[in-house]
Amino acid sequence: MAYNLELAKRIWAHLAGLPGVSEKKMFGGVGYLVNGNMACGVHGENLIVRLSAKDGEKALALPFTRPFDLSGKPMRGWLYVEPAGWATDEELLGWLQLGLAYARSLPPK
């Protein structure tokens, strides 16, 4: 499956050079990790954001979000954000900051 390269470039423009941040091809897309922990990524046309289980449940009430599910069993705290939810740089940066904050809260891998 191809993924949105323009979104990947936009994300990397915000994350490149941040301490501990790396880019990794995964799940048919690309993921962005902080100290080995997934923060966000791109799958198809969607942004993926990883949050705590509690914050993920709250975020699913927001427009343009749905559970991240590759196998028929959604992953708690992980969600897709559809293109309308990250159209502006301000919207994208808001989601990236949430994912980065959660990934930074986890022990390094």
PDB file of N, CA and C in Angstrom:
ATOM      1  N   MET A   1       0.841  -1.178   0.000  1.00  0.00           N
ATOM      2  CA  MET A   1       0.000   0.000   0.000  1.00  0.00           C
ATOM      3  C   MET A   1       0.888   1.244   0.000  1.00  0.00           C
ATOM      4  N   ALA A   2       0.613   2.150  -0.882  1.00  0.00           N
ATOM      5  CA  ALA A   2       1.331   3.417  -0.913  1.00  0.00           C
ATOM      6  C   ALA A   2       0.815   4.309   0.218  1.00  0.00           C
ATOM      7  N   TYR A   3       1.649   5.234   0.628  1.00  0.00           N
ATOM      8  CA  TYR A   3       1.227   6.173   1.662  1.00  0.00           C
ATOM      9  C   TYR A   3       1.476   7.594   1.169  1.00  0.00           C
ATOM     10  N   ASN A   4       0.852   8.539   1.813  1.00  0.00           N
ATOM     11  CA  ASN A   4       0.888   9.938   1.403  1.00  0.00           C
ATOM     12  C   ASN A   4       2.281  10.522   1.674  1.00  0.00           C
ATOM     13  N   LEU A   5       3.066  10.626   0.604  1.00  0.00           N
ATOM     14  CA  LEU A   5       4.430  11.124   0.738  1.00  0.00           C
ATOM     15  C   LEU A   5       4.470  12.604   1.121  1.00  0.00           C
ATOM     16  N   GLU A   6       3.502  13.367   0.660  1.00  0.00           N
ATOM     17  CA  GLU A   6       3.460  14.790   1.023  1.00  0.00           C
ATOM     18  C   GLU A   6       3.234  14.959   2.528  1.00  0.00           C
ATOM     19  N   LEU A   7       2.345  14.148   3.088  1.00  0.00           N
ATOM     20  CA  LEU A   7       2.129  14.198   4.536  1.00  0.00           C
ATOM     21  C   LEU A   7       3.406  13.798   5.266  1.00  0.00           C
ATOM     22  N   ALA A   8       4.067  12.747   4.789  1.00  0.00           N
ATOM     23  CA  ALA A   8       5.317  12.307   5.413  1.00  0.00           C
ATOM     24  C   ALA A   8       6.355  13.435   5.390  1.00  0.00           C
ATOM     25  N   LYS A   9       6.456  14.145   4.285  1.00  0.00           N
ATOM     26  CA  LYS A   9       7.404  15.266   4.189  1.00  0.00           C
ATOM     27  C   LYS A   9       7.026  16.384   5.150  1.00  0.00           C
ATOM     28  N   ARG A  10       5.740  16.673   5.259  1.00  0.00           N
ATOM     29  CA  ARG A  10       5.283  17.716   6.193  1.00  0.00           C
ATOM     30  C   ARG A  10       5.624  17.345   7.630  1.00  0.00           C
ATOM     31  N   ILE A  11       5.399  16.083   7.974  1.00  0.00           N
ATOM     32  CA  ILE A  11       5.708  15.631   9.335  1.00  0.00           C
ATOM     33  C   ILE A  11       7.204  15.744   9.591  1.00  0.00           C
ATOM     34  N   TRP A  12       8.005  15.231   8.667  1.00  0.00           N
ATOM     35  CA  TRP A  12       9.448  15.228   8.866  1.00  0.00           C
ATOM     36  C   TRP A  12       9.997  16.658   8.958  1.00  0.00           C
ATOM     37  N   ALA A  13       9.382  17.591   8.252  1.00  0.00           N
ATOM     38  CA  ALA A  13       9.798  18.990   8.335  1.00  0.00           C
ATOM     39  C   ALA A  13       9.643  19.522   9.761  1.00  0.00           C
ATOM     40  N   HIS A  14       8.663  19.028  10.491  1.00  0.00           N
ATOM     41  CA  HIS A  14       8.443  19.449  11.886  1.00  0.00           C
ATOM     42  C   HIS A  14       9.321  18.667  12.863  1.00  0.00           C
ATOM     43  N   LEU A  15       9.638  17.415  12.530  1.00  0.00           N
ATOM     44  CA  LEU A  15      10.302  16.546  13.504  1.00  0.00           C
ATOM     45  C   LEU A  15      11.804  16.399  13.317  1.00  0.00           C
ATOM     46  N   ALA A  16      12.294  16.608  12.110  1.00  0.00           N
ATOM     47  CA  ALA A  16      13.725  16.409  11.837  1.00  0.00           C
ATOM     48  C   ALA A  16      14.550  17.254  12.795  1.00  0.00           C
ATOM     49  N   GLY A  17      15.543  16.637  13.371  1.00  0.00           N
ATOM     50  CA  GLY A  17      16.441  17.358  14.264  1.00  0.00           C
ATOM     51  C   GLY A  17      16.027  17.368  15.721  1.00  0.00           C
ATOM     52  N   LEU A  18      14.804  16.925  16.023  1.00  0.00           N
ATOM     53  CA  LEU A  18      14.408  16.849  17.429  1.00  0.00           C
ATOM     54  C   LEU A  18      15.150  15.693  18.096  1.00  0.00           C
ATOM     55  N   PRO A  19      15.575  15.856  19.345  1.00  0.00           N
ATOM     56  CA  PRO A  19      16.330  14.796  20.022  1.00  0.00           C
ATOM     57  C   PRO A  19      15.556  13.476  20.095  1.00  0.00           C
ATOM     58  N   GLY A  20      16.240  12.404  19.720  1.00  0.00           N
ATOM     59  CA  GLY A  20      15.675  11.066  19.836  1.00  0.00           C
ATOM     60  C   GLY A  20      14.658  10.685  18.786  1.00  0.00           C
ATOM     61  N   VAL A  21      14.377  11.551  17.815  1.00  0.00           N
ATOM     62  CA  VAL A  21      13.341  11.273  16.811  1.00  0.00           C
ATOM     63  C   VAL A  21      13.960  10.563  15.611  1.00  0.00           C
ATOM     64  N   SER A  22      13.288   9.505  15.167  1.00  0.00           N
ATOM     65  CA  SER A  22      13.721   8.778  13.977  1.00  0.00           C
ATOM     66  C   SER A  22      12.515   8.424  13.122  1.00  0.00           C
ATOM     67  N   GLU A  23      12.796   8.096  11.886  1.00  0.00           N
ATOM     68  CA  GLU A  23      11.773   7.723  10.916  1.00  0.00           C
ATOM     69  C   GLU A  23      12.004   6.258  10.553  1.00  0.00           C
ATOM     70  N   LYS A  24      10.912   5.477  10.464  1.00  0.00           N
ATOM     71  CA  LYS A  24      11.050   4.048  10.171  1.00  0.00           C
ATOM     72  C   LYS A  24       9.888   3.583   9.311  1.00  0.00           C
ATOM     73  N   LYS A  25      10.184   2.855   8.242  1.00  0.00           N
ATOM     74  CA  LYS A  25       9.140   2.253   7.415  1.00  0.00           C
ATOM     75  C   LYS A  25       8.489   1.133   8.226  1.00  0.00           C
ATOM     76  N   MET A  26       7.159   1.169   8.293  1.00  0.00           N
ATOM     77  CA  MET A  26       6.440   0.138   9.040  1.00  0.00           C
ATOM     78  C   MET A  26       4.983   0.103   8.611  1.00  0.00           C
ATOM     79  N   PHE A  27       4.318  -1.026   8.788  1.00  0.00           N
ATOM     80  CA  PHE A  27       2.906  -1.277   8.470  1.00  0.00           C
ATOM     81  C   PHE A  27       2.472  -0.693   7.124  1.00  0.00           C
ATOM     82  N   GLY A  28       3.330  -0.794   6.113  1.00  0.00           N
ATOM     83  CA  GLY A  28       2.996  -0.291   4.784  1.00  0.00           C
ATOM     84  C   GLY A  28       3.011   1.214   4.693  1.00  0.00           C
ATOM     85  N   GLY A  29       3.586   1.852   5.670  1.00  0.00           N
ATOM     86  CA  GLY A  29       3.676   3.303   5.693  1.00  0.00           C
ATOM     87  C   GLY A  29       4.980   3.714   6.341  1.00  0.00           C
ATOM     88  N   VAL A  30       4.928   4.785   7.108  1.00  0.00           N
ATOM     89  CA  VAL A  30       6.118   5.269   7.794  1.00  0.00           C
ATOM     90  C   VAL A  30       5.712   5.702   9.198  1.00  0.00           C
ATOM     91  N   GLY A  31       6.591   5.389  10.156  1.00  0.00           N
ATOM     92  CA  GLY A  31       6.350   5.784  11.531  1.00  0.00           C
ATOM     93  C   GLY A  31       7.441   6.716  12.014  1.00  0.00           C
ATOM     94  N   TYR A  32       7.098   7.539  12.973  1.00  0.00           N
ATOM     95  CA  TYR A  32       8.046   8.471  13.580  1.00  0.00           C
ATOM     96  C   TYR A  32       8.124   8.116  15.048  1.00  0.00           C
ATOM     97  N   LEU A  33       9.338   7.837  15.494  1.00  0.00           N
ATOM     98  CA  LEU A  33       9.557   7.325  16.835  1.00  0.00           C
ATOM     99  C   LEU A  33      10.375   8.307  17.662  1.00  0.00           C
ATOM    100  N   VAL A  34      10.139   8.282  18.963  1.00  0.00           N
ATOM    101  CA  VAL A  34      10.927   9.052  19.917  1.00  0.00           C
ATOM    102  C   VAL A  34      11.557   8.045  20.854  1.00  0.00           C
ATOM    103  N   ASN A  35      12.876   7.967  20.823  1.00  0.00           N
ATOM    104  CA  ASN A  35      13.613   7.010  21.654  1.00  0.00           C
ATOM    105  C   ASN A  35      13.067   5.594  21.483  1.00  0.00           C
ATOM    106  N   GLY A  36      12.680   5.252  20.259  1.00  0.00           N
ATOM    107  CA  GLY A  36      12.189   3.916  19.936  1.00  0.00           C
ATOM    108  C   GLY A  36      10.703   3.706  20.135  1.00  0.00           C
ATOM    109  N   ASN A  37       9.987   4.693  20.638  1.00  0.00           N
ATOM    110  CA  ASN A  37       8.540   4.587  20.862  1.00  0.00           C
ATOM    111  C   ASN A  37       7.785   5.355  19.795  1.00  0.00           C
ATOM    112  N   MET A  38       6.810   4.694  19.215  1.00  0.00           N
ATOM    113  CA  MET A  38       6.001   5.313  18.170  1.00  0.00           C
ATOM    114  C   MET A  38       5.262   6.535  18.706  1.00  0.00           C
ATOM    115  N   ALA A  39       5.331   7.639  17.949  1.00  0.00           N
ATOM    116  CA  ALA A  39       4.606   8.863  18.282  1.00  0.00           C
ATOM    117  C   ALA A  39       3.503   9.125  17.270  1.00  0.00           C
ATOM    118  N   CYS A  40       3.837   8.937  15.997  1.00  0.00           N
ATOM    119  CA  CYS A  40       2.885   9.210  14.928  1.00  0.00           C
ATOM    120  C   CYS A  40       3.378   8.531  13.658  1.00  0.00           C
ATOM    121  N   GLY A  41       2.582   8.615  12.610  1.00  0.00           N
ATOM    122  CA  GLY A  41       2.984   8.008  11.355  1.00  0.00           C
ATOM    123  C   GLY A  41       1.995   8.316  10.259  1.00  0.00           C
ATOM    124  N   VAL A  42       2.243   7.687   9.124  1.00  0.00           N
ATOM    125  CA  VAL A  42       1.382   7.838   7.957  1.00  0.00           C
ATOM    126  C   VAL A  42       1.026   6.448   7.455  1.00  0.00           C
ATOM    127  N   HIS A  43      -0.254   6.219   7.241  1.00  0.00           N
ATOM    128  CA  HIS A  43      -0.743   4.960   6.672  1.00  0.00           C
ATOM    129  C   HIS A  43      -1.776   5.323   5.623  1.00  0.00           C
ATOM    130  N   GLY A  44      -1.487   5.022   4.371  1.00  0.00           N
ATOM    131  CA  GLY A  44      -2.382   5.436   3.294  1.00  0.00           C
ATOM    132  C   GLY A  44      -2.454   6.953   3.258  1.00  0.00           C
ATOM    133  N   GLU A  45      -3.655   7.485   3.315  1.00  0.00           N
ATOM    134  CA  GLU A  45      -3.848   8.939   3.316  1.00  0.00           C
ATOM    135  C   GLU A  45      -4.025   9.501   4.724  1.00  0.00           C
ATOM    136  N   ASN A  46      -3.930   8.644   5.721  1.00  0.00           N
ATOM    137  CA  ASN A  46      -4.236   9.049   7.092  1.00  0.00           C
ATOM    138  C   ASN A  46      -2.995   9.271   7.942  1.00  0.00           C
ATOM    139  N   LEU A  47      -3.116  10.202   8.860  1.00  0.00           N
ATOM    140  CA  LEU A  47      -2.141  10.405   9.915  1.00  0.00           C
ATOM    141  C   LEU A  47      -2.468   9.394  11.010  1.00  0.00           C
ATOM    142  N   ILE A  48      -1.458   8.803  11.594  1.00  0.00           N
ATOM    143  CA  ILE A  48      -1.624   7.937  12.763  1.00  0.00           C
ATOM    144  C   ILE A  48      -1.035   8.679  13.954  1.00  0.00           C
ATOM    145  N   VAL A  49      -1.738   8.684  15.058  1.00  0.00           N
ATOM    146  CA  VAL A  49      -1.241   9.309  16.280  1.00  0.00           C
ATOM    147  C   VAL A  49      -1.381   8.303  17.411  1.00  0.00           C
ATOM    148  N   ARG A  50      -0.332   8.195  18.224  1.00  0.00           N
ATOM    149  CA  ARG A  50      -0.367   7.315  19.385  1.00  0.00           C
ATOM    150  C   ARG A  50      -0.494   8.163  20.640  1.00  0.00           C
ATOM    151  N   LEU A  51      -1.498   7.845  21.428  1.00  0.00           N
ATOM    152  CA  LEU A  51      -1.772   8.545  22.676  1.00  0.00           C
ATOM    153  C   LEU A  51      -1.942   7.514  23.788  1.00  0.00           C
ATOM    154  N   SER A  52      -2.066   7.972  25.011  1.00  0.00           N
ATOM    155  CA  SER A  52      -2.407   7.043  26.089  1.00  0.00           C
ATOM    156  C   SER A  52      -3.792   6.479  25.790  1.00  0.00           C
ATOM    157  N   ALA A  53      -4.132   5.363  26.393  1.00  0.00           N
ATOM    158  CA  ALA A  53      -5.458   4.763  26.170  1.00  0.00           C
ATOM    159  C   ALA A  53      -6.559   5.759  26.537  1.00  0.00           C
ATOM    160  N   LYS A  54      -6.395   6.460  27.645  1.00  0.00           N
ATOM    161  CA  LYS A  54      -7.397   7.431  28.098  1.00  0.00           C
ATOM    162  C   LYS A  54      -7.521   8.597  27.115  1.00  0.00           C
ATOM    163  N   ASP A  55      -6.391   9.176  26.725  1.00  0.00           N
ATOM    164  CA  ASP A  55      -6.424  10.303  25.793  1.00  0.00           C
ATOM    165  C   ASP A  55      -6.890   9.869  24.403  1.00  0.00           C
ATOM    166  N   GLY A  56      -6.563   8.639  24.037  1.00  0.00           N
ATOM    167  CA  GLY A  56      -7.025   8.117  22.756  1.00  0.00           C
ATOM    168  C   GLY A  56      -8.538   8.014  22.696  1.00  0.00           C
ATOM    169  N   GLU A  57      -9.152   7.567  23.796  1.00  0.00           N
ATOM    170  CA  GLU A  57     -10.618   7.488  23.855  1.00  0.00           C
ATOM    171  C   GLU A  57     -11.241   8.870  23.721  1.00  0.00           C
ATOM    172  N   LYS A  58     -10.663   9.855  24.404  1.00  0.00           N
ATOM    173  CA  LYS A  58     -11.169  11.228  24.306  1.00  0.00           C
ATOM    174  C   LYS A  58     -11.023  11.758  22.880  1.00  0.00           C
ATOM    175  N   ALA A  59      -9.883  11.492  22.268  1.00  0.00           N
ATOM    176  CA  ALA A  59      -9.618  12.009  20.919  1.00  0.00           C
ATOM    177  C   ALA A  59     -10.556  11.405  19.878  1.00  0.00           C
ATOM    178  N   LEU A  60     -11.052  10.205  20.117  1.00  0.00           N
ATOM    179  CA  LEU A  60     -11.972   9.585  19.166  1.00  0.00           C
ATOM    180  C   LEU A  60     -13.307  10.317  19.082  1.00  0.00           C
ATOM    181  N   ALA A  61     -13.568  11.185  20.041  1.00  0.00           N
ATOM    182  CA  ALA A  61     -14.790  12.000  19.992  1.00  0.00           C
ATOM    183  C   ALA A  61     -14.626  13.217  19.082  1.00  0.00           C
ATOM    184  N   LEU A  62     -13.392  13.488  18.674  1.00  0.00           N
ATOM    185  CA  LEU A  62     -13.124  14.636  17.808  1.00  0.00           C
ATOM    186  C   LEU A  62     -13.450  14.301  16.358  1.00  0.00           C
ATOM    187  N   PRO A  63     -13.763  15.321  15.558  1.00  0.00           N
ATOM    188  CA  PRO A  63     -14.052  15.067  14.147  1.00  0.00           C
ATOM    189  C   PRO A  63     -12.832  14.494  13.421  1.00  0.00           C
ATOM    190  N   PHE A  64     -13.095  13.687  12.418  1.00  0.00           N
ATOM    191  CA  PHE A  64     -12.087  13.147  11.501  1.00  0.00           C
ATOM    192  C   PHE A  64     -11.153  12.126  12.141  1.00  0.00           C
ATOM    193  N   THR A  65     -11.550  11.527  13.264  1.00  0.00           N
ATOM    194  CA  THR A  65     -10.739  10.499  13.895  1.00  0.00           C
ATOM    195  C   THR A  65     -11.489   9.177  13.905  1.00  0.00           C
ATOM    196  N   ARG A  66     -10.716   8.095  13.929  1.00  0.00           N
ATOM    197  CA  ARG A  66     -11.283   6.757  14.085  1.00  0.00           C
ATOM    198  C   ARG A  66     -10.189   5.848  14.615  1.00  0.00           C
ATOM    199  N   PRO A  67     -10.562   4.704  15.168  1.00  0.00           N
ATOM    200  CA  PRO A  67      -9.546   3.810  15.724  1.00  0.00           C
ATOM    201  C   PRO A  67      -8.579   3.298  14.657  1.00  0.00           C
ATOM    202  N   PHE A  68      -7.337   3.164  15.039  1.00  0.00           N
ATOM    203  CA  PHE A  68      -6.317   2.557  14.184  1.00  0.00           C
ATOM    204  C   PHE A  68      -6.491   1.049  14.278  1.00  0.00           C
ATOM    205  N   ASP A  69      -6.745   0.425  13.151  1.00  0.00           N
ATOM    206  CA  ASP A  69      -7.075  -0.997  13.149  1.00  0.00           C
ATOM    207  C   ASP A  69      -6.568  -1.629  11.860  1.00  0.00           C
ATOM    208  N   LEU A  70      -5.546  -2.464  11.972  1.00  0.00           N
ATOM    209  CA  LEU A  70      -5.016  -3.171  10.805  1.00  0.00           C
ATOM    210  C   LEU A  70      -5.427  -4.635  10.777  1.00  0.00           C
ATOM    211  N   SER A  71      -5.923  -5.138  11.920  1.00  0.00           N
ATOM    212  CA  SER A  71      -6.162  -6.576  12.016  1.00  0.00           C
ATOM    213  C   SER A  71      -7.562  -6.961  12.466  1.00  0.00           C
ATOM    214  N   GLY A  72      -8.464  -6.005  12.578  1.00  0.00           N
ATOM    215  CA  GLY A  72      -9.790  -6.292  13.098  1.00  0.00           C
ATOM    216  C   GLY A  72      -9.888  -6.102  14.598  1.00  0.00           C
ATOM    217  N   LYS A  73      -8.773  -5.747  15.217  1.00  0.00           N
ATOM    218  CA  LYS A  73      -8.746  -5.502  16.659  1.00  0.00           C
ATOM    219  C   LYS A  73      -8.066  -4.142  16.886  1.00  0.00           C
ATOM    220  N   PRO A  74      -8.850  -3.077  17.089  1.00  0.00           N
ATOM    221  CA  PRO A  74      -8.259  -1.740  17.254  1.00  0.00           C
ATOM    222  C   PRO A  74      -7.253  -1.691  18.400  1.00  0.00           C
ATOM    223  N   MET A  75      -6.221  -0.896  18.209  1.00  0.00           N
ATOM    224  CA  MET A  75      -5.186  -0.739  19.228  1.00  0.00           C
ATOM    225  C   MET A  75      -5.565   0.445  20.116  1.00  0.00           C
ATOM    226  N   ARG A  76      -5.668   0.198  21.402  1.00  0.00           N
ATOM    227  CA  ARG A  76      -6.055   1.260  22.350  1.00  0.00           C
ATOM    228  C   ARG A  76      -5.030   2.387  22.318  1.00  0.00           C
ATOM    229  N   GLY A  77      -5.547   3.616  22.224  1.00  0.00           N
ATOM    230  CA  GLY A  77      -4.687   4.782  22.228  1.00  0.00           C
ATOM    231  C   GLY A  77      -4.149   5.180  20.867  1.00  0.00           C
ATOM    232  N   TRP A  78      -4.329   4.338  19.877  1.00  0.00           N
ATOM    233  CA  TRP A  78      -3.846   4.640  18.528  1.00  0.00           C
ATOM    234  C   TRP A  78      -5.043   5.060  17.692  1.00  0.00           C
ATOM    235  N   LEU A  79      -4.875   6.097  16.888  1.00  0.00           N
ATOM    236  CA  LEU A  79      -5.990   6.513  16.048  1.00  0.00           C
ATOM    237  C   LEU A  79      -5.527   7.037  14.707  1.00  0.00           C
ATOM    238  N   TYR A  80      -6.445   6.922  13.757  1.00  0.00           N
ATOM    239  CA  TYR A  80      -6.271   7.552  12.454  1.00  0.00           C
ATOM    240  C   TYR A  80      -6.866   8.944  12.536  1.00  0.00           C
ATOM    241  N   VAL A  81      -6.214   9.886  11.876  1.00  0.00           N
ATOM    242  CA  VAL A  81      -6.788  11.205  11.668  1.00  0.00           C
ATOM    243  C   VAL A  81      -6.888  11.370  10.158  1.00  0.00           C
ATOM    244  N   GLU A  82      -8.100  11.528   9.676  1.00  0.00           N
ATOM    245  CA  GLU A  82      -8.339  11.655   8.239  1.00  0.00           C
ATOM    246  C   GLU A  82      -7.808  12.990   7.731  1.00  0.00           C
ATOM    247  N   PRO A  83      -7.555  13.113   6.424  1.00  0.00           N
ATOM    248  CA  PRO A  83      -6.953  14.326   5.866  1.00  0.00           C
ATOM    249  C   PRO A  83      -7.612  15.639   6.284  1.00  0.00           C
ATOM    250  N   ALA A  84      -8.915  15.671   6.421  1.00  0.00           N
ATOM    251  CA  ALA A  84      -9.579  16.916   6.831  1.00  0.00           C
ATOM    252  C   ALA A  84      -9.173  17.342   8.240  1.00  0.00           C
ATOM    253  N   GLY A  85      -8.647  16.431   9.032  1.00  0.00           N
ATOM    254  CA  GLY A  85      -8.249  16.738  10.396  1.00  0.00           C
ATOM    255  C   GLY A  85      -6.830  17.253  10.541  1.00  0.00           C
ATOM    256  N   TRP A  86      -6.045  17.193   9.472  1.00  0.00           N
ATOM    257  CA  TRP A  86      -4.668  17.701   9.520  1.00  0.00           C
ATOM    258  C   TRP A  86      -4.353  18.592   8.312  1.00  0.00           C
ATOM    259  N   ALA A  87      -5.371  19.209   7.760  1.00  0.00           N
ATOM    260  CA  ALA A  87      -5.216  20.000   6.534  1.00  0.00           C
ATOM    261  C   ALA A  87      -4.280  21.195   6.710  1.00  0.00           C
ATOM    262  N   THR A  88      -4.388  21.889   7.832  1.00  0.00           N
ATOM    263  CA  THR A  88      -3.530  23.058   8.049  1.00  0.00           C
ATOM    264  C   THR A  88      -2.299  22.643   8.850  1.00  0.00           C
ATOM    265  N   ASP A  89      -1.244  23.442   8.764  1.00  0.00           N
ATOM    266  CA  ASP A  89      -0.050  23.157   9.552  1.00  0.00           C
ATOM    267  C   ASP A  89      -0.347  23.234  11.040  1.00  0.00           C
ATOM    268  N   GLU A  90      -1.230  24.131  11.432  1.00  0.00           N
ATOM    269  CA  GLU A  90      -1.596  24.249  12.842  1.00  0.00           C
ATOM    270  C   GLU A  90      -2.270  22.967  13.342  1.00  0.00           C
ATOM    271  N   GLU A  91      -3.191  22.427  12.539  1.00  0.00           N
ATOM    272  CA  GLU A  91      -3.860  21.172  12.917  1.00  0.00           C
ATOM    273  C   GLU A  91      -2.860  20.025  12.979  1.00  0.00           C
ATOM    274  N   LEU A  92      -2.008  19.922  11.959  1.00  0.00           N
ATOM    275  CA  LEU A  92      -1.017  18.850  11.933  1.00  0.00           C
ATOM    276  C   LEU A  92      -0.084  18.953  13.138  1.00  0.00           C
ATOM    277  N   LEU A  93       0.421  20.133  13.394  1.00  0.00           N
ATOM    278  CA  LEU A  93       1.344  20.318  14.508  1.00  0.00           C
ATOM    279  C   LEU A  93       0.688  19.979  15.848  1.00  0.00           C
ATOM    280  N   GLY A  94      -0.583  20.293  15.999  1.00  0.00           N
ATOM    281  CA  GLY A  94      -1.294  19.930  17.224  1.00  0.00           C
ATOM    282  C   GLY A  94      -1.297  18.432  17.454  1.00  0.00           C
ATOM    283  N   TRP A  95      -1.597  17.671  16.410  1.00  0.00           N
ATOM    284  CA  TRP A  95      -1.584  16.211  16.534  1.00  0.00           C
ATOM    285  C   TRP A  95      -0.177  15.695  16.797  1.00  0.00           C
ATOM    286  N   LEU A  96       0.812  16.243  16.096  1.00  0.00           N
ATOM    287  CA  LEU A  96       2.192  15.790  16.291  1.00  0.00           C
ATOM    288  C   LEU A  96       2.645  16.036  17.726  1.00  0.00           C
ATOM    289  N   GLN A  97       2.309  17.179  18.270  1.00  0.00           N
ATOM    290  CA  GLN A  97       2.701  17.489  19.645  1.00  0.00           C
ATOM    291  C   GLN A  97       2.089  16.515  20.640  1.00  0.00           C
ATOM    292  N   LEU A  98       0.846  16.114  20.412  1.00  0.00           N
ATOM    293  CA  LEU A  98       0.212  15.128  21.296  1.00  0.00           C
ATOM    294  C   LEU A  98       0.940  13.788  21.235  1.00  0.00           C
ATOM    295  N   GLY A  99       1.231  13.326  20.020  1.00  0.00           N
ATOM    296  CA  GLY A  99       1.940  12.060  19.864  1.00  0.00           C
ATOM    297  C   GLY A  99       3.341  12.105  20.439  1.00  0.00           C
ATOM    298  N   LEU A 100       4.049  13.208  20.216  1.00  0.00           N
ATOM    299  CA  LEU A 100       5.399  13.356  20.758  1.00  0.00           C
ATOM    300  C   LEU A 100       5.383  13.348  22.284  1.00  0.00           C
ATOM    301  N   ALA A 101       4.444  14.056  22.864  1.00  0.00           N
ATOM    302  CA  ALA A 101       4.360  14.118  24.332  1.00  0.00           C
ATOM    303  C   ALA A 101       4.152  12.728  24.920  1.00  0.00           C
ATOM    304  N   TYR A 102       3.276  11.933  24.309  1.00  0.00           N
ATOM    305  CA  TYR A 102       3.044  10.594  24.839  1.00  0.00           C
ATOM    306  C   TYR A 102       4.296   9.728  24.666  1.00  0.00           C
ATOM    307  N   ALA A 103       4.889   9.749  23.481  1.00  0.00           N
ATOM    308  CA  ALA A 103       6.083   8.922  23.241  1.00  0.00           C
ATOM    309  C   ALA A 103       7.217   9.292  24.197  1.00  0.00           C
ATOM    310  N   ARG A 104       7.360  10.577  24.486  1.00  0.00           N
ATOM    311  CA  ARG A 104       8.409  11.023  25.412  1.00  0.00           C
ATOM    312  C   ARG A 104       8.145  10.566  26.851  1.00  0.00           C
ATOM    313  N   SER A 105       6.895  10.286  27.168  1.00  0.00           N
ATOM    314  CA  SER A 105       6.538   9.854  28.526  1.00  0.00           C
ATOM    315  C   SER A 105       6.887   8.389  28.779  1.00  0.00           C
ATOM    316  N   LEU A 106       7.209   7.656  27.727  1.00  0.00           N
ATOM    317  CA  LEU A 106       7.512   6.230  27.840  1.00  0.00           C
ATOM    318  C   LEU A 106       9.006   6.005  28.017  1.00  0.00           C
ATOM    319  N   PRO A 107       9.388   4.898  28.658  1.00  0.00           N
ATOM    320  CA  PRO A 107      10.820   4.604  28.788  1.00  0.00           C
ATOM    321  C   PRO A 107      11.414   4.325  27.406  1.00  0.00           C
ATOM    322  N   PRO A 108      12.665   4.739  27.180  1.00  0.00           N
ATOM    323  CA  PRO A 108      13.311   4.471  25.890  1.00  0.00           C
ATOM    324  C   PRO A 108      13.403   2.964  25.633  1.00  0.00           C
ATOM    325  N   LYS A 109      13.337   2.611  24.353  1.00  0.00           N
ATOM    326  CA  LYS A 109      13.489   1.195  23.965  1.00  0.00           C
ATOM    327  C   LYS A 109      14.902   0.957  23.499  1.00  0.00           C
TER     328      LYS A 109
END
